[in-house]
Amino acid sequence: MNRKQFLRTIGGGTLAMTLAPNLLMAEGFTALNAASEYQLTILHTNDQHSRIEPFDSSYTKNPNQGGFARRAALIQKIRGQEKNVLLLDSGDTFQGTPYFNFFGGELEFKLMSMMGYDASTMGNHDFDNGLAGFKKAQPNAKFPFICSNYDFSNTILDGQTIPYKIFNKNGIKVGIFGVGIQLEGLVGKKEYGETVYQNPIEISQHYADFLRKEKKCDLVICLSHIGYDYKDDPKKLSDKILAAKTDGIDLILGGHTHTFLPEPQSFMNRSGKNVLVNQVGWAGLLLGKINFYFDKNKNVKNISWNNQVIDASILV
């Protein structure tokens, strides 16, 4: 992606949540937002790929953009402005720079912990040092890895991940589960061992029902590392297909395909209701930001978004 294309992905907007076709509008709804009983801010990343430092100023595509320190400063600023914040990641933290080669992911997890990440799922590159490599680095992560469709029962990661987690943010119950891509053919067998891959659609429906109906969550989020879309193979499982073939999910935060979405995309689920899908490229060039506004009955009434560019304008 060149700089002009990149800049087109940023901006802000508001999405009115209705059962009619979605209306994507310019910044607005100030009165509605102010009247909301509850607000929740979701910050998210994906496919960081060990890009600890900003890209060099001579890099032709995104010069002097990205960087963990800048992201940390921005997150700290947002937390100072918003009361209820969840910081989430959709996998592929590992692989891409010498930092991973030297430290095996320990540095990435330490820095994410310092930023206060609440949860992450695992991407295919998080298996690059094998299950043993991930387990060695994991103690540096002070946040859980939510993996719902990877069964690690017969591996050394048994008990090291969780299938779901519920957060209570000022009275709003947020249920989160995570699904990963098929590892066979993408990751070497010796890297993932006896990990068992389970169908993401079936698993997603199971946890969406469980979180919404049994646990009474007000918002259900899927951390996905299956990819947003595959134009050369449109029938391949993707976030778009996952959204259409399930119900009960409010938001899918994706990864794997390094897709810079210009704004959260809305799809109709199998029950005819809206589900949002978002993905913010790769390498920490953007920080996704989505605000959910709830009424007194904890029903979502409005959603605003504003992708945050990570560049030299952020002082660290």
C-alpha atoms as a PDB file:
ATOM      1  CA  MET A   1       0.000   0.000   0.000  1.00  0.00           C
ATOM      2  CA  ASN A   2       1.426   3.407  -0.935  1.00  0.00           C
ATOM      3  CA  ARG A   3       1.102   6.520   1.189  1.00  0.00           C
ATOM      4  CA  LYS A   4      -1.909   7.905  -0.693  1.00  0.00           C
ATOM      5  CA  GLN A   5      -3.813   4.657  -0.301  1.00  0.00           C
ATOM      6  CA  PHE A   6      -2.821   4.497   3.360  1.00  0.00           C
ATOM      7  CA  LEU A   7      -4.107   7.975   4.090  1.00  0.00           C
ATOM      8  CA  ARG A   8      -7.451   7.085   2.542  1.00  0.00           C
ATOM      9  CA  THR A   9      -7.937   4.458   5.234  1.00  0.00           C
ATOM     10  CA  ILE A  10      -7.982   6.974   8.062  1.00  0.00           C
ATOM     11  CA  GLY A  11     -10.742   9.216   9.212  1.00  0.00           C
ATOM     12  CA  GLY A  12     -13.797   9.088  11.379  1.00  0.00           C
ATOM     13  CA  GLY A  13     -17.445   8.321  11.142  1.00  0.00           C
ATOM     14  CA  THR A  14     -20.518   7.102  12.896  1.00  0.00           C
ATOM     15  CA  LEU A  15     -22.602   4.030  12.245  1.00  0.00           C
ATOM     16  CA  ALA A  16     -26.241   4.044  13.298  1.00  0.00           C
ATOM     17  CA  MET A  17     -27.253   0.583  14.407  1.00  0.00           C
ATOM     18  CA  THR A  18     -30.713  -0.192  13.090  1.00  0.00           C
ATOM     19  CA  LEU A  19     -32.434  -3.220  11.657  1.00  0.00           C
ATOM     20  CA  ALA A  20     -32.773  -1.329   8.392  1.00  0.00           C
ATOM     21  CA  PRO A  21     -29.754  -1.141   6.037  1.00  0.00           C
ATOM     22  CA  ASN A  22     -26.834   0.502   7.772  1.00  0.00           C
ATOM     23  CA  LEU A  23     -26.310   4.213   7.411  1.00  0.00           C
ATOM     24  CA  LEU A  24     -22.694   5.311   7.327  1.00  0.00           C
ATOM     25  CA  MET A  25     -22.502   9.000   8.109  1.00  0.00           C
ATOM     26  CA  ALA A  26     -20.015  11.734   8.809  1.00  0.00           C
ATOM     27  CA  GLU A  27     -19.038  12.612  12.356  1.00  0.00           C
ATOM     28  CA  GLY A  28     -22.187  13.439  14.218  1.00  0.00           C
ATOM     29  CA  PHE A  29     -24.787  12.079  16.602  1.00  0.00           C
ATOM     30  CA  THR A  30     -23.287  14.252  19.335  1.00  0.00           C
ATOM     31  CA  ALA A  31     -26.587  14.577  21.178  1.00  0.00           C
ATOM     32  CA  LEU A  32     -27.255  10.837  20.920  1.00  0.00           C
ATOM     33  CA  ASN A  33     -23.785   9.960  22.160  1.00  0.00           C
ATOM     34  CA  ALA A  34     -24.076  12.405  25.040  1.00  0.00           C
ATOM     35  CA  ALA A  35     -27.418  10.854  26.026  1.00  0.00           C
ATOM     36  CA  SER A  36     -26.019   7.326  26.078  1.00  0.00           C
ATOM     37  CA  GLU A  37     -26.077   5.622  29.450  1.00  0.00           C
ATOM     38  CA  TYR A  38     -22.950   3.593  28.713  1.00  0.00           C
ATOM     39  CA  GLN A  39     -19.938   3.906  26.438  1.00  0.00           C
ATOM     40  CA  LEU A  40     -17.243   1.352  25.615  1.00  0.00           C
ATOM     41  CA  THR A  41     -14.073   2.048  23.628  1.00  0.00           C
ATOM     42  CA  ILE A  42     -12.463  -0.845  21.756  1.00  0.00           C
ATOM     43  CA  LEU A  43      -8.826  -0.390  20.714  1.00  0.00           C
ATOM     44  CA  HIS A  44      -7.332  -3.113  18.562  1.00  0.00           C
ATOM     45  CA  THR A  45      -4.332  -4.235  16.522  1.00  0.00           C
ATOM     46  CA  ASN A  46      -3.422  -7.205  14.351  1.00  0.00           C
ATOM     47  CA  ASP A  47      -0.377  -8.662  12.586  1.00  0.00           C
ATOM     48  CA  GLN A  48       2.183  -6.625  14.493  1.00  0.00           C
ATOM     49  CA  HIS A  49       4.977  -8.877  13.190  1.00  0.00           C
ATOM     50  CA  SER A  50       7.611  -7.754  15.680  1.00  0.00           C
ATOM     51  CA  ARG A  51       7.698  -4.203  14.280  1.00  0.00           C
ATOM     52  CA  ILE A  52       8.968  -2.666  17.505  1.00  0.00           C
ATOM     53  CA  GLU A  53      10.481   0.409  15.869  1.00  0.00           C
ATOM     54  CA  PRO A  54       8.955   2.738  13.256  1.00  0.00           C
ATOM     55  CA  PHE A  55       9.728   2.100   9.632  1.00  0.00           C
ATOM     56  CA  ASP A  56      12.785   3.995   8.436  1.00  0.00           C
ATOM     57  CA  SER A  57      12.226   7.437   6.924  1.00  0.00           C
ATOM     58  CA  SER A  58      13.576   6.092   3.634  1.00  0.00           C
ATOM     59  CA  TYR A  59      10.910   3.342   3.459  1.00  0.00           C
ATOM     60  CA  THR A  60       8.927   4.068   0.313  1.00  0.00           C
ATOM     61  CA  LYS A  61       5.491   2.857   1.429  1.00  0.00           C
ATOM     62  CA  ASN A  62       5.015   4.091   4.985  1.00  0.00           C
ATOM     63  CA  PRO A  63       8.071   6.154   5.962  1.00  0.00           C
ATOM     64  CA  ASN A  64       8.576   6.872   9.659  1.00  0.00           C
ATOM     65  CA  GLN A  65       5.269   5.267  10.619  1.00  0.00           C
ATOM     66  CA  GLY A  66       4.452   2.718  13.302  1.00  0.00           C
ATOM     67  CA  GLY A  67       6.427   1.963  16.441  1.00  0.00           C
ATOM     68  CA  PHE A  68       5.491   0.428  19.797  1.00  0.00           C
ATOM     69  CA  ALA A  69       6.518   3.484  21.856  1.00  0.00           C
ATOM     70  CA  ARG A  70       4.247   5.781  19.855  1.00  0.00           C
ATOM     71  CA  ARG A  71       1.380   3.335  20.156  1.00  0.00           C
ATOM     72  CA  ALA A  72       1.884   3.140  23.903  1.00  0.00           C
ATOM     73  CA  ALA A  73       1.750   6.934  24.168  1.00  0.00           C
ATOM     74  CA  LEU A  74      -1.434   7.080  22.108  1.00  0.00           C
ATOM     75  CA  ILE A  75      -3.099   4.347  24.156  1.00  0.00           C
ATOM     76  CA  GLN A  76      -2.191   6.150  27.354  1.00  0.00           C
ATOM     77  CA  LYS A  77      -3.718   9.355  25.979  1.00  0.00           C
ATOM     78  CA  ILE A  78      -6.949   7.615  24.983  1.00  0.00           C
ATOM     79  CA  ARG A  79      -7.234   5.948  28.382  1.00  0.00           C
ATOM     80  CA  GLY A  80      -6.959   9.406  29.914  1.00  0.00           C
ATOM     81  CA  GLN A  81      -9.925  10.530  27.823  1.00  0.00           C
ATOM     82  CA  GLU A  82     -12.166   7.439  27.970  1.00  0.00           C
ATOM     83  CA  LYS A  83     -13.292   5.587  31.103  1.00  0.00           C
ATOM     84  CA  ASN A  84     -14.027   2.142  29.684  1.00  0.00           C
ATOM     85  CA  VAL A  85     -11.366   0.827  27.308  1.00  0.00           C
ATOM     86  CA  LEU A  86     -10.592  -2.666  26.036  1.00  0.00           C
ATOM     87  CA  LEU A  87      -7.295  -3.218  24.184  1.00  0.00           C
ATOM     88  CA  LEU A  88      -7.286  -6.333  21.998  1.00  0.00           C
ATOM     89  CA  ASP A  89      -5.086  -8.044  19.413  1.00  0.00           C
ATOM     90  CA  SER A  90      -5.912 -10.534  16.661  1.00  0.00           C
ATOM     91  CA  GLY A  91      -2.652 -12.460  16.382  1.00  0.00           C
ATOM     92  CA  ASP A  92       0.639 -12.694  14.479  1.00  0.00           C
ATOM     93  CA  THR A  93       2.605 -10.799  17.064  1.00  0.00           C
ATOM     94  CA  PHE A  94       5.669 -12.836  16.086  1.00  0.00           C
ATOM     95  CA  GLN A  95       8.014 -12.826  13.086  1.00  0.00           C
ATOM     96  CA  GLY A  96       9.214 -10.012  10.874  1.00  0.00           C
ATOM     97  CA  THR A  97      12.256  -8.321  12.413  1.00  0.00           C
ATOM     98  CA  PRO A  98      15.502  -9.326  14.174  1.00  0.00           C
ATOM     99  CA  TYR A  99      13.819  -8.587  17.500  1.00  0.00           C
ATOM    100  CA  PHE A 100      11.908 -11.828  17.106  1.00  0.00           C
ATOM    101  CA  ASN A 101      14.975 -13.718  15.930  1.00  0.00           C
ATOM    102  CA  PHE A 102      16.947 -12.631  18.989  1.00  0.00           C
ATOM    103  CA  PHE A 103      14.300 -12.627  21.714  1.00  0.00           C
ATOM    104  CA  GLY A 104      11.735 -15.140  20.460  1.00  0.00           C
ATOM    105  CA  GLY A 105       8.688 -12.973  21.157  1.00  0.00           C
ATOM    106  CA  GLU A 106       9.535 -12.170  24.775  1.00  0.00           C
ATOM    107  CA  LEU A 107      10.096  -8.482  24.005  1.00  0.00           C
ATOM    108  CA  GLU A 108       6.830  -8.125  22.113  1.00  0.00           C
ATOM    109  CA  PHE A 109       4.861  -9.667  24.979  1.00  0.00           C
ATOM    110  CA  LYS A 110       6.632  -7.514  27.563  1.00  0.00           C
ATOM    111  CA  LEU A 111       5.822  -4.345  25.657  1.00  0.00           C
ATOM    112  CA  MET A 112       2.218  -5.360  25.021  1.00  0.00           C
ATOM    113  CA  SER A 113       1.876  -6.040  28.747  1.00  0.00           C
ATOM    114  CA  MET A 114       3.246  -2.597  29.533  1.00  0.00           C
ATOM    115  CA  MET A 115       0.617  -1.131  27.182  1.00  0.00           C
ATOM    116  CA  GLY A 116      -2.070  -2.966  29.117  1.00  0.00           C
ATOM    117  CA  TYR A 117      -3.432  -5.327  26.485  1.00  0.00           C
ATOM    118  CA  ASP A 118      -6.517  -7.104  27.792  1.00  0.00           C
ATOM    119  CA  ALA A 119      -6.421 -10.140  25.482  1.00  0.00           C
ATOM    120  CA  SER A 120      -5.082 -11.575  22.241  1.00  0.00           C
ATOM    121  CA  THR A 121      -5.648 -14.581  20.047  1.00  0.00           C
ATOM    122  CA  MET A 122      -2.954 -16.565  18.228  1.00  0.00           C
ATOM    123  CA  GLY A 123      -2.051 -16.228  14.563  1.00  0.00           C
ATOM    124  CA  ASN A 124      -0.200 -18.750  12.407  1.00  0.00           C
ATOM    125  CA  HIS A 125       3.139 -16.951  12.832  1.00  0.00           C
ATOM    126  CA  ASP A 126       2.837 -17.253  16.584  1.00  0.00           C
ATOM    127  CA  PHE A 127       3.699 -20.925  15.995  1.00  0.00           C
ATOM    128  CA  ASP A 128       6.945 -20.088  14.146  1.00  0.00           C
ATOM    129  CA  ASN A 129       9.145 -21.098  17.078  1.00  0.00           C
ATOM    130  CA  GLY A 130       6.971 -24.100  17.745  1.00  0.00           C
ATOM    131  CA  LEU A 131       4.756 -24.705  20.738  1.00  0.00           C
ATOM    132  CA  ALA A 132       7.821 -24.725  22.999  1.00  0.00           C
ATOM    133  CA  GLY A 133       8.913 -21.326  21.702  1.00  0.00           C
ATOM    134  CA  PHE A 134       5.507 -19.810  22.350  1.00  0.00           C
ATOM    135  CA  LYS A 135       5.356 -21.317  25.829  1.00  0.00           C
ATOM    136  CA  LYS A 136       8.813 -19.941  26.632  1.00  0.00           C
ATOM    137  CA  ALA A 137       7.785 -16.412  25.661  1.00  0.00           C
ATOM    138  CA  GLN A 138       4.284 -16.537  27.161  1.00  0.00           C
ATOM    139  CA  PRO A 139       5.177 -15.746  30.817  1.00  0.00           C
ATOM    140  CA  ASN A 140       6.041 -12.252  29.605  1.00  0.00           C
ATOM    141  CA  ALA A 141       2.432 -11.735  28.498  1.00  0.00           C
ATOM    142  CA  LYS A 142       0.329 -10.421  31.385  1.00  0.00           C
ATOM    143  CA  PHE A 143      -2.834 -10.954  29.372  1.00  0.00           C
ATOM    144  CA  PRO A 144      -4.656 -14.110  28.227  1.00  0.00           C
ATOM    145  CA  PHE A 145      -4.569 -15.767  24.825  1.00  0.00           C
ATOM    146  CA  ILE A 146      -8.093 -16.639  23.773  1.00  0.00           C
ATOM    147  CA  CYS A 147      -8.101 -19.612  21.393  1.00  0.00           C
ATOM    148  CA  SER A 148     -11.501 -21.242  20.935  1.00  0.00           C
ATOM    149  CA  ASN A 149     -10.963 -23.490  17.914  1.00  0.00           C
ATOM    150  CA  TYR A 150      -7.454 -24.763  18.658  1.00  0.00           C
ATOM    151  CA  ASP A 151      -7.535 -27.798  20.939  1.00  0.00           C
ATOM    152  CA  PHE A 152      -4.184 -27.963  22.724  1.00  0.00           C
ATOM    153  CA  SER A 153      -5.169 -30.885  24.981  1.00  0.00           C
ATOM    154  CA  ASN A 154      -2.398 -33.190  23.749  1.00  0.00           C
ATOM    155  CA  THR A 155       0.299 -30.516  23.621  1.00  0.00           C
ATOM    156  CA  ILE A 156       2.494 -28.553  26.014  1.00  0.00           C
ATOM    157  CA  LEU A 157       0.102 -25.606  25.625  1.00  0.00           C
ATOM    158  CA  ASP A 158      -2.689 -27.506  27.348  1.00  0.00           C
ATOM    159  CA  GLY A 159      -4.156 -25.101  29.885  1.00  0.00           C
ATOM    160  CA  GLN A 160      -2.044 -22.183  28.641  1.00  0.00           C
ATOM    161  CA  THR A 161      -4.843 -20.579  26.621  1.00  0.00           C
ATOM    162  CA  ILE A 162      -8.526 -19.994  27.362  1.00  0.00           C
ATOM    163  CA  PRO A 163     -11.581 -20.469  25.071  1.00  0.00           C
ATOM    164  CA  TYR A 164     -13.336 -17.259  26.117  1.00  0.00           C
ATOM    165  CA  LYS A 165     -13.223 -14.388  28.590  1.00  0.00           C
ATOM    166  CA  ILE A 166     -15.841 -12.011  29.957  1.00  0.00           C
ATOM    167  CA  PHE A 167     -14.965  -8.438  30.870  1.00  0.00           C
ATOM    168  CA  ASN A 168     -17.229  -6.207  32.942  1.00  0.00           C
ATOM    169  CA  LYS A 169     -16.676  -2.583  31.972  1.00  0.00           C
ATOM    170  CA  ASN A 170     -18.786  -0.290  34.145  1.00  0.00           C
ATOM    171  CA  GLY A 171     -21.778  -2.609  33.986  1.00  0.00           C
ATOM    172  CA  ILE A 172     -21.364  -3.663  30.348  1.00  0.00           C
ATOM    173  CA  LYS A 173     -20.584  -7.389  30.028  1.00  0.00           C
ATOM    174  CA  VAL A 174     -18.308  -8.056  27.065  1.00  0.00           C
ATOM    175  CA  GLY A 175     -17.783 -11.657  26.002  1.00  0.00           C
ATOM    176  CA  ILE A 176     -14.757 -12.443  23.833  1.00  0.00           C
ATOM    177  CA  PHE A 177     -13.731 -15.614  22.012  1.00  0.00           C
ATOM    178  CA  GLY A 178     -11.062 -16.232  19.369  1.00  0.00           C
ATOM    179  CA  VAL A 179     -10.689 -18.301  16.210  1.00  0.00           C
ATOM    180  CA  GLY A 180      -7.579 -19.122  14.197  1.00  0.00           C
ATOM    181  CA  ILE A 181      -6.798 -20.294  10.705  1.00  0.00           C
ATOM    182  CA  GLN A 182      -6.225 -23.881   9.575  1.00  0.00           C
ATOM    183  CA  LEU A 183      -2.585 -24.620  10.425  1.00  0.00           C
ATOM    184  CA  GLU A 184      -2.105 -27.672   8.201  1.00  0.00           C
ATOM    185  CA  GLY A 185      -0.380 -26.629   4.992  1.00  0.00           C
ATOM    186  CA  LEU A 186       0.432 -23.214   6.412  1.00  0.00           C
ATOM    187  CA  VAL A 187       2.565 -24.129   9.427  1.00  0.00           C
ATOM    188  CA  GLY A 188       4.968 -27.039   9.686  1.00  0.00           C
ATOM    189  CA  LYS A 189       3.609 -30.049  11.558  1.00  0.00           C
ATOM    190  CA  LYS A 190       6.542 -30.014  13.973  1.00  0.00           C
ATOM    191  CA  GLU A 191       5.646 -26.425  14.935  1.00  0.00           C
ATOM    192  CA  TYR A 192       2.030 -27.087  15.912  1.00  0.00           C
ATOM    193  CA  GLY A 193       2.362 -30.740  16.924  1.00  0.00           C
ATOM    194  CA  GLU A 194      -0.880 -32.365  18.060  1.00  0.00           C
ATOM    195  CA  THR A 195      -2.880 -29.142  18.003  1.00  0.00           C
ATOM    196  CA  VAL A 196      -6.370 -29.963  16.731  1.00  0.00           C
ATOM    197  CA  TYR A 197      -8.090 -27.430  14.459  1.00  0.00           C
ATOM    198  CA  GLN A 198     -11.853 -27.146  14.877  1.00  0.00           C
ATOM    199  CA  ASN A 199     -14.336 -25.555  12.467  1.00  0.00           C
ATOM    200  CA  PRO A 200     -14.400 -21.794  13.170  1.00  0.00           C
ATOM    201  CA  ILE A 201     -18.047 -21.386  12.145  1.00  0.00           C
ATOM    202  CA  GLU A 202     -19.290 -24.130  14.467  1.00  0.00           C
ATOM    203  CA  ILE A 203     -17.056 -22.985  17.323  1.00  0.00           C
ATOM    204  CA  SER A 204     -18.023 -19.338  16.814  1.00  0.00           C
ATOM    205  CA  GLN A 205     -21.716 -20.146  16.935  1.00  0.00           C
ATOM    206  CA  HIS A 206     -21.231 -22.228  20.063  1.00  0.00           C
ATOM    207  CA  TYR A 207     -19.457 -19.444  21.955  1.00  0.00           C
ATOM    208  CA  ALA A 208     -21.704 -16.691  20.609  1.00  0.00           C
ATOM    209  CA  ASP A 209     -24.725 -18.585  21.936  1.00  0.00           C
ATOM    210  CA  PHE A 210     -22.975 -19.401  25.204  1.00  0.00           C
ATOM    211  CA  LEU A 211     -21.799 -15.847  25.863  1.00  0.00           C
ATOM    212  CA  ARG A 212     -25.023 -14.141  24.861  1.00  0.00           C
ATOM    213  CA  LYS A 213     -27.652 -16.586  26.120  1.00  0.00           C
ATOM    214  CA  GLU A 214     -26.041 -18.277  29.114  1.00  0.00           C
ATOM    215  CA  LYS A 215     -23.623 -15.617  30.305  1.00  0.00           C
ATOM    216  CA  LYS A 216     -25.937 -12.731  29.333  1.00  0.00           C
ATOM    217  CA  CYS A 217     -23.223 -10.654  27.685  1.00  0.00           C
ATOM    218  CA  ASP A 218     -24.255  -7.279  26.292  1.00  0.00           C
ATOM    219  CA  LEU A 219     -21.598  -7.365  23.553  1.00  0.00           C
ATOM    220  CA  VAL A 220     -19.938 -10.367  21.902  1.00  0.00           C
ATOM    221  CA  ILE A 221     -16.584  -9.950  20.144  1.00  0.00           C
ATOM    222  CA  CYS A 222     -14.689 -12.462  18.028  1.00  0.00           C
ATOM    223  CA  LEU A 223     -10.917 -12.093  17.743  1.00  0.00           C
ATOM    224  CA  SER A 224     -10.258 -13.678  14.366  1.00  0.00           C
ATOM    225  CA  HIS A 225      -7.123 -14.710  12.549  1.00  0.00           C
ATOM    226  CA  ILE A 226      -8.759 -16.336   9.531  1.00  0.00           C
ATOM    227  CA  GLY A 227      -8.502 -13.410   7.098  1.00  0.00           C
ATOM    228  CA  TYR A 228     -10.927 -10.750   5.919  1.00  0.00           C
ATOM    229  CA  ASP A 229     -11.424 -11.846   2.317  1.00  0.00           C
ATOM    230  CA  TYR A 230      -9.809 -13.947  -0.440  1.00  0.00           C
ATOM    231  CA  LYS A 231     -10.567 -12.499  -3.859  1.00  0.00           C
ATOM    232  CA  ASP A 232      -8.806 -15.345  -5.666  1.00  0.00           C
ATOM    233  CA  ASP A 233     -10.791 -17.902  -3.648  1.00  0.00           C
ATOM    234  CA  PRO A 234     -14.065 -16.265  -2.532  1.00  0.00           C
ATOM    235  CA  LYS A 235     -15.407 -19.486  -1.001  1.00  0.00           C
ATOM    236  CA  LYS A 236     -12.446 -19.807   1.359  1.00  0.00           C
ATOM    237  CA  LEU A 237     -13.455 -19.232   4.964  1.00  0.00           C
ATOM    238  CA  SER A 238     -13.030 -15.580   5.885  1.00  0.00           C
ATOM    239  CA  ASP A 239     -14.411 -13.022   8.298  1.00  0.00           C
ATOM    240  CA  LYS A 240     -17.034 -12.038   5.728  1.00  0.00           C
ATOM    241  CA  ILE A 241     -18.265 -15.629   5.525  1.00  0.00           C
ATOM    242  CA  LEU A 242     -18.037 -16.093   9.281  1.00  0.00           C
ATOM    243  CA  ALA A 243     -20.194 -13.012   9.810  1.00  0.00           C
ATOM    244  CA  ALA A 244     -22.838 -14.218   7.341  1.00  0.00           C
ATOM    245  CA  LYS A 245     -23.057 -17.809   8.608  1.00  0.00           C
ATOM    246  CA  THR A 246     -23.379 -17.103  12.342  1.00  0.00           C
ATOM    247  CA  ASP A 247     -25.457 -14.953  14.622  1.00  0.00           C
ATOM    248  CA  GLY A 248     -25.017 -13.423  18.049  1.00  0.00           C
ATOM    249  CA  ILE A 249     -21.664 -11.794  17.225  1.00  0.00           C
ATOM    250  CA  ASP A 250     -21.531  -7.989  17.350  1.00  0.00           C
ATOM    251  CA  LEU A 251     -17.952  -7.372  16.236  1.00  0.00           C
ATOM    252  CA  ILE A 252     -15.256  -9.388  14.472  1.00  0.00           C
ATOM    253  CA  LEU A 253     -11.746  -7.984  14.848  1.00  0.00           C
ATOM    254  CA  GLY A 254      -9.704  -9.652  12.150  1.00  0.00           C
ATOM    255  CA  GLY A 255      -6.168 -10.386  11.089  1.00  0.00           C
ATOM    256  CA  HIS A 256      -4.009 -12.520   8.776  1.00  0.00           C
ATOM    257  CA  THR A 257      -4.709 -10.828   5.411  1.00  0.00           C
ATOM    258  CA  HIS A 258      -3.106  -7.493   6.416  1.00  0.00           C
ATOM    259  CA  THR A 259      -6.217  -5.685   5.175  1.00  0.00           C
ATOM    260  CA  PHE A 260      -6.389  -1.927   5.661  1.00  0.00           C
ATOM    261  CA  LEU A 261     -10.140  -1.438   5.887  1.00  0.00           C
ATOM    262  CA  PRO A 262     -11.186   2.180   5.319  1.00  0.00           C
ATOM    263  CA  GLU A 263     -13.830   1.768   8.018  1.00  0.00           C
ATOM    264  CA  PRO A 264     -15.554  -1.040   9.916  1.00  0.00           C
ATOM    265  CA  GLN A 265     -17.550  -3.062   7.409  1.00  0.00           C
ATOM    266  CA  SER A 266     -21.111  -4.118   8.160  1.00  0.00           C
ATOM    267  CA  PHE A 267     -22.539  -7.495   7.134  1.00  0.00           C
ATOM    268  CA  MET A 268     -25.872  -9.158   7.709  1.00  0.00           C
ATOM    269  CA  ASN A 269     -25.710 -12.299   9.791  1.00  0.00           C
ATOM    270  CA  ARG A 270     -27.867 -15.358   9.283  1.00  0.00           C
ATOM    271  CA  SER A 271     -30.615 -13.821  11.450  1.00  0.00           C
ATOM    272  CA  GLY A 272     -30.721 -10.620   9.432  1.00  0.00           C
ATOM    273  CA  LYS A 273     -28.929  -8.498  12.016  1.00  0.00           C
ATOM    274  CA  ASN A 274     -25.806  -6.375  11.688  1.00  0.00           C
ATOM    275  CA  VAL A 275     -22.307  -7.558  12.542  1.00  0.00           C
ATOM    276  CA  LEU A 276     -19.247  -5.338  12.157  1.00  0.00           C
ATOM    277  CA  VAL A 277     -15.880  -6.510  10.849  1.00  0.00           C
ATOM    278  CA  ASN A 278     -12.711  -4.478  11.183  1.00  0.00           C
ATOM    279  CA  GLN A 279      -9.003  -4.989  10.454  1.00  0.00           C
ATOM    280  CA  VAL A 280      -6.184  -2.434  10.586  1.00  0.00           C
ATOM    281  CA  GLY A 281      -3.534  -3.694   8.178  1.00  0.00           C
ATOM    282  CA  TRP A 282      -0.273  -4.796   9.739  1.00  0.00           C
ATOM    283  CA  ALA A 283       2.964  -3.704  11.465  1.00  0.00           C
ATOM    284  CA  GLY A 284       1.215  -1.401  13.939  1.00  0.00           C
ATOM    285  CA  LEU A 285       0.719   1.348  11.368  1.00  0.00           C
ATOM    286  CA  LEU A 286      -2.777   1.978  12.704  1.00  0.00           C
ATOM    287  CA  LEU A 287      -4.565   1.568  16.003  1.00  0.00           C
ATOM    288  CA  GLY A 288      -8.203   0.664  15.510  1.00  0.00           C
ATOM    289  CA  LYS A 289     -10.650   2.601  17.663  1.00  0.00           C
ATOM    290  CA  ILE A 290     -14.372   1.871  17.866  1.00  0.00           C
ATOM    291  CA  ASN A 291     -16.767   3.424  20.376  1.00  0.00           C
ATOM    292  CA  PHE A 292     -19.991   1.622  21.298  1.00  0.00           C
ATOM    293  CA  TYR A 293     -22.826   3.615  22.842  1.00  0.00           C
ATOM    294  CA  PHE A 294     -25.545   1.836  24.831  1.00  0.00           C
ATOM    295  CA  ASP A 295     -28.945   2.886  26.138  1.00  0.00           C
ATOM    296  CA  LYS A 296     -30.148   2.297  29.690  1.00  0.00           C
ATOM    297  CA  ASN A 297     -31.173  -1.254  28.738  1.00  0.00           C
ATOM    298  CA  LYS A 298     -27.621  -1.898  27.494  1.00  0.00           C
ATOM    299  CA  ASN A 299     -28.677  -2.149  23.855  1.00  0.00           C
ATOM    300  CA  VAL A 300     -26.219  -0.780  21.293  1.00  0.00           C
ATOM    301  CA  LYS A 301     -27.656   2.411  19.830  1.00  0.00           C
ATOM    302  CA  ASN A 302     -24.710   3.929  18.040  1.00  0.00           C
ATOM    303  CA  ILE A 303     -21.136   3.187  17.014  1.00  0.00           C
ATOM    304  CA  SER A 304     -18.448   5.695  16.099  1.00  0.00           C
ATOM    305  CA  TRP A 305     -15.025   4.912  14.718  1.00  0.00           C
ATOM    306  CA  ASN A 306     -11.754   6.686  14.087  1.00  0.00           C
ATOM    307  CA  ASN A 307      -8.617   4.853  12.953  1.00  0.00           C
ATOM    308  CA  GLN A 308      -5.586   6.269  14.702  1.00  0.00           C
ATOM    309  CA  VAL A 309      -2.432   6.742  12.621  1.00  0.00           C
ATOM    310  CA  ILE A 310       0.821   5.870  14.375  1.00  0.00           C
ATOM    311  CA  ASP A 311       3.398   8.386  13.139  1.00  0.00           C
ATOM    312  CA  ALA A 312       5.832  11.100  14.214  1.00  0.00           C
ATOM    313  CA  SER A 313       2.995  13.398  15.327  1.00  0.00           C
ATOM    314  CA  ILE A 314       2.716  11.234  18.467  1.00  0.00           C
ATOM    315  CA  LEU A 315       5.192  12.504  21.018  1.00  0.00           C
ATOM    316  CA  VAL A 316       6.904   9.906  23.186  1.00  0.00           C
END
